[in-house]
Protein backbone atom coordinates (compact mmCIF):
# COMPACT_ATOMS: atom_id res chain seq x y z
CA MET A 1 18.08 -77.26 24.30
CA LYS A 2 20.07 -75.08 22.05
CA ARG A 3 21.68 -76.29 18.73
CA TYR A 4 23.84 -73.40 17.40
CA LEU A 5 24.67 -73.75 13.50
CA LEU A 6 27.17 -70.80 14.18
CA PRO A 7 29.23 -70.00 17.19
CA ALA A 8 27.51 -67.99 19.86
CA ALA A 9 29.01 -65.73 22.41
CA VAL A 10 27.84 -63.26 24.91
CA ALA A 11 25.53 -60.77 23.65
CA LEU A 12 27.10 -57.50 22.86
CA LEU A 13 24.04 -55.21 21.90
CA GLU A 14 23.89 -52.54 24.59
CA ALA A 15 23.89 -49.00 23.49
CA SER A 16 26.04 -46.23 24.86
CA THR A 17 26.17 -45.41 28.49
CA LEU A 18 24.20 -42.48 29.60
CA PHE A 19 25.93 -40.41 32.46
CA LEU A 20 23.64 -38.47 34.84
CA GLY A 21 24.55 -34.96 35.92
CA GLY A 22 26.28 -32.09 34.45
CA CYS A 23 29.50 -30.30 34.42
CA GLY A 24 29.66 -26.83 35.42
CA SER A 25 32.45 -24.15 36.00
CA THR A 26 33.59 -23.18 39.51
CA PRO A 27 33.62 -19.56 40.48
CA SER A 28 37.16 -18.38 41.30
CA ASN A 29 36.06 -17.02 44.71
CA ALA A 30 34.23 -20.29 45.66
CA SER A 31 35.62 -22.07 48.85
CA ALA A 32 37.06 -25.45 48.26
CA PRO A 33 35.03 -28.27 49.83
CA SER A 34 36.31 -29.43 53.25
CA ALA A 35 38.09 -32.86 53.39
CA ALA A 36 36.34 -35.79 54.85
CA PRO A 37 37.43 -36.69 58.39
CA ALA A 38 39.97 -39.53 58.55
CA GLY A 39 38.49 -43.06 58.50
CA THR A 40 35.33 -41.85 56.71
CA PRO A 41 34.40 -44.17 53.76
CA ALA A 42 34.53 -42.55 50.42
CA ALA A 43 31.13 -42.37 48.80
CA ALA A 44 30.54 -44.89 46.04
CA PRO A 45 30.23 -43.42 42.65
CA ALA A 46 26.66 -43.31 41.26
CA PRO A 47 26.08 -46.34 38.86
CA ALA A 48 26.02 -45.40 35.12
CA GLU A 49 22.70 -46.11 33.45
CA LYS A 50 22.59 -48.05 30.29
CA ALA A 51 20.15 -47.67 27.43
CA ALA A 52 19.39 -51.26 26.15
CA SER A 53 19.03 -51.82 22.46
CA ARG A 54 15.23 -52.13 21.56
CA VAL A 55 13.75 -54.16 18.90
CA GLN A 56 11.42 -52.08 16.50
CA ASN A 57 10.59 -54.80 13.96
CA LEU A 58 9.91 -58.39 14.64
CA PHE A 59 8.60 -60.96 12.01
CA VAL A 60 7.54 -64.60 12.92
CA ALA A 61 6.64 -67.28 10.39
CA MET A 62 4.41 -70.12 11.87
CA PRO A 63 4.42 -72.70 8.86
CA GLU A 64 2.95 -76.10 8.70
CA ASP A 65 6.32 -77.83 9.65
CA GLY A 66 5.66 -76.82 13.14
CA ARG A 67 8.56 -74.54 13.63
CA LEU A 68 8.76 -70.72 14.76
CA TYR A 69 11.02 -68.69 12.60
CA TYR A 70 11.99 -65.36 14.21
CA PHE A 71 13.33 -62.39 12.07
CA THR A 72 14.25 -58.80 13.00
CA ASP A 73 15.88 -58.16 9.51
CA PRO A 74 12.96 -57.24 6.96
CA LYS A 75 15.08 -58.42 4.15
CA LEU A 76 15.83 -61.81 5.61
CA TYR A 77 12.03 -62.15 6.35
CA LEU A 78 10.96 -61.29 2.97
CA SER A 79 13.53 -63.64 1.41
CA TYR A 80 12.10 -66.37 3.67
CA LEU A 81 8.67 -65.71 2.53
CA ASP A 82 9.92 -66.24 -1.14
CA THR A 83 12.26 -69.29 -0.60
CA GLU A 84 11.36 -70.56 2.84
CA GLU A 85 14.85 -70.79 3.63
CA VAL A 86 17.09 -69.34 6.43
CA ALA A 87 20.91 -69.37 5.59
CA LEU A 88 22.34 -68.19 8.86
CA ARG A 89 20.36 -69.22 12.08
CA GLN A 90 20.43 -70.30 15.51
CA THR A 91 18.00 -73.30 16.55
CA ARG A 92 16.44 -74.21 19.91
CA ILE A 93 14.67 -77.74 19.65
CA GLY A 94 11.53 -77.88 21.51
CA ALA A 95 11.81 -74.46 22.89
CA GLY A 96 8.55 -72.87 21.67
CA PRO A 97 5.45 -72.45 23.59
CA ALA A 98 3.93 -75.66 22.40
CA GLY A 99 7.27 -77.40 21.98
CA GLN A 100 8.08 -76.24 18.70
CA THR A 101 11.47 -76.00 17.40
CA VAL A 102 12.52 -72.06 17.24
CA VAL A 103 14.77 -70.85 14.52
CA PHE A 104 16.35 -67.35 14.84
CA ALA A 105 17.55 -65.90 11.65
CA LEU A 106 20.94 -64.22 12.05
CA SER A 107 21.60 -60.87 10.22
CA ASN A 108 25.16 -59.90 9.27
CA GLU A 109 25.18 -57.48 12.16
CA ASP A 110 24.27 -60.45 14.43
CA VAL A 111 27.04 -62.49 13.06
CA LYS A 112 29.67 -59.64 13.53
CA ALA A 113 28.48 -59.42 17.22
CA LYS A 114 29.44 -63.06 17.75
CA GLY A 115 26.56 -63.37 20.11
CA PRO A 116 22.81 -63.98 20.11
CA GLY A 117 20.92 -62.09 17.72
CA LEU A 118 18.34 -59.45 18.52
CA ALA A 119 15.31 -61.84 18.07
CA GLU A 120 16.89 -64.30 20.38
CA GLN A 121 17.51 -61.79 23.09
CA LEU A 122 13.97 -60.43 22.76
CA TYR A 123 12.65 -63.95 23.06
CA ASP A 124 14.76 -64.44 26.36
CA GLY A 125 13.78 -61.01 27.78
CA LYS A 126 17.06 -59.74 27.61
CA ILE A 127 16.12 -56.65 25.53
CA GLU A 128 12.81 -55.03 25.20
CA ALA A 129 10.66 -54.21 22.05
CA ASP A 130 10.22 -50.48 21.30
CA ALA A 131 7.04 -49.18 23.15
CA LYS A 132 6.39 -46.38 20.74
CA ASP A 133 7.57 -47.61 17.25
CA PHE A 134 7.17 -51.43 17.40
CA TYR A 135 5.95 -53.08 14.31
CA GLY A 136 5.38 -56.87 14.12
CA GLU A 137 3.97 -59.44 11.69
CA VAL A 138 3.01 -63.08 12.26
CA VAL A 139 2.45 -65.50 9.12
CA LYS A 140 0.02 -68.32 10.00
CA ASP A 141 -2.21 -70.33 7.76
CA GLY A 142 -1.95 -68.11 4.89
CA ARG A 143 -2.79 -65.02 6.84
CA PHE A 144 -0.63 -61.99 7.99
CA TYR A 145 -1.37 -60.82 11.55
CA VAL A 146 -0.09 -57.32 12.04
CA PHE A 147 0.84 -55.85 15.41
CA ASP A 148 2.01 -52.56 17.00
CA ARG A 149 2.42 -54.13 20.45
CA TYR A 150 4.93 -56.77 21.22
CA ALA A 151 2.92 -58.04 24.22
CA ASP A 152 -0.24 -58.53 21.89
CA MET A 153 2.10 -60.51 19.38
CA LYS A 154 3.71 -62.50 21.98
CA SER A 155 0.37 -63.48 23.45
CA PHE A 156 -0.84 -64.50 19.89
CA ILE A 157 2.14 -66.81 19.33
CA GLU A 158 1.70 -68.48 22.57
CA SER A 159 -2.00 -68.95 22.45
CA GLY A 160 -2.96 -68.85 18.53
CA GLU A 161 -5.97 -66.64 19.44
CA VAL A 162 -6.88 -62.98 18.64
CA GLY A 163 -9.11 -60.99 20.75
CA LEU A 164 -9.86 -57.59 19.08
CA ALA A 165 -8.94 -57.31 15.36
CA MET A 166 -9.79 -55.80 11.83
CA SER A 167 -9.64 -57.88 8.83
CA ASP A 168 -8.91 -57.14 5.13
CA ILE A 169 -9.86 -60.40 3.23
CA GLY A 170 -7.79 -60.94 0.11
CA ALA A 171 -5.77 -57.74 0.47
CA GLY A 172 -2.43 -59.09 1.16
CA PRO A 173 0.24 -60.48 -0.94
CA LYS A 174 -1.09 -63.39 -3.25
CA GLY A 175 -4.63 -62.56 -1.97
CA ALA A 176 -3.68 -63.38 1.72
CA THR A 177 -6.08 -61.94 4.30
CA LEU A 178 -4.60 -59.14 6.53
CA VAL A 179 -5.46 -58.92 10.11
CA TRP A 180 -4.84 -55.85 12.16
CA VAL A 181 -4.47 -56.89 15.74
CA LEU A 182 -5.92 -54.42 18.14
CA ASN A 183 -6.44 -54.02 21.95
CA THR A 184 -8.61 -51.99 24.16
CA GLU A 185 -6.53 -48.95 23.59
CA THR A 186 -5.81 -49.19 19.81
CA ALA A 187 -9.29 -50.09 18.93
CA LYS A 188 -10.55 -46.72 19.97
CA GLN A 189 -8.33 -45.29 17.24
CA GLY A 190 -10.20 -46.80 14.32
CA ARG A 191 -8.44 -48.33 11.30
CA PRO A 192 -4.60 -48.57 11.95
CA THR A 193 -3.65 -46.34 9.17
CA ALA A 194 0.17 -46.25 10.08
CA ARG A 195 0.31 -50.05 10.29
CA ILE A 196 -1.36 -50.28 6.95
CA GLU A 197 0.92 -48.06 5.21
CA LYS A 198 3.93 -49.90 6.71
CA PHE A 199 2.72 -53.14 5.67
CA LYS A 200 2.25 -51.76 1.97
CA SER A 201 5.65 -50.28 1.98
CA LEU A 202 7.34 -53.34 3.28
CA HIS A 203 5.56 -55.80 0.87
CA GLY A 204 5.87 -53.30 -2.14
CA MET A 205 2.19 -52.89 -2.27
CA LYS A 206 0.38 -49.58 -3.48
């Protein structure tokens, strides 16, 4: 069940169309193509491919009130961590994996688009997470769980369990524990240096 606090319309978040093929000049002595016999159906034009918007950042807060708060805008996420408030949002009652209410924070860009925001579209599978540059955080039970794969992040939100991980106890904001969630591929790379630096930059840490 959806309850929208702002009017929502059809998502308008697809990127520019990519046209296949190239244009070349025709030599002056080239013969013109022969006309198709009468009654021959014209060939249908090849469909244009579209590159969908991909989500690079996703932040989810799982506070004790039993709700799930989704953000794609870092500023809105950091503001929520300070105030525990979301000004503009779309809400789905009972839509979470365990029947939680799901709250999607809306950025100014989402509002201008007059449709579901990026976080909601990602949640519904209408757009994808960036496979190369994805960065995600889940705040739960006073810990920050940090991801570089959306599939790992989604699995954690649904199950509440982490398989492979490295932890830095008391290294986060206000002494929070940081959990760097890994998988069989990323575990081979050692400490996730790039993720660590991005977390520090986002939260203003040295």
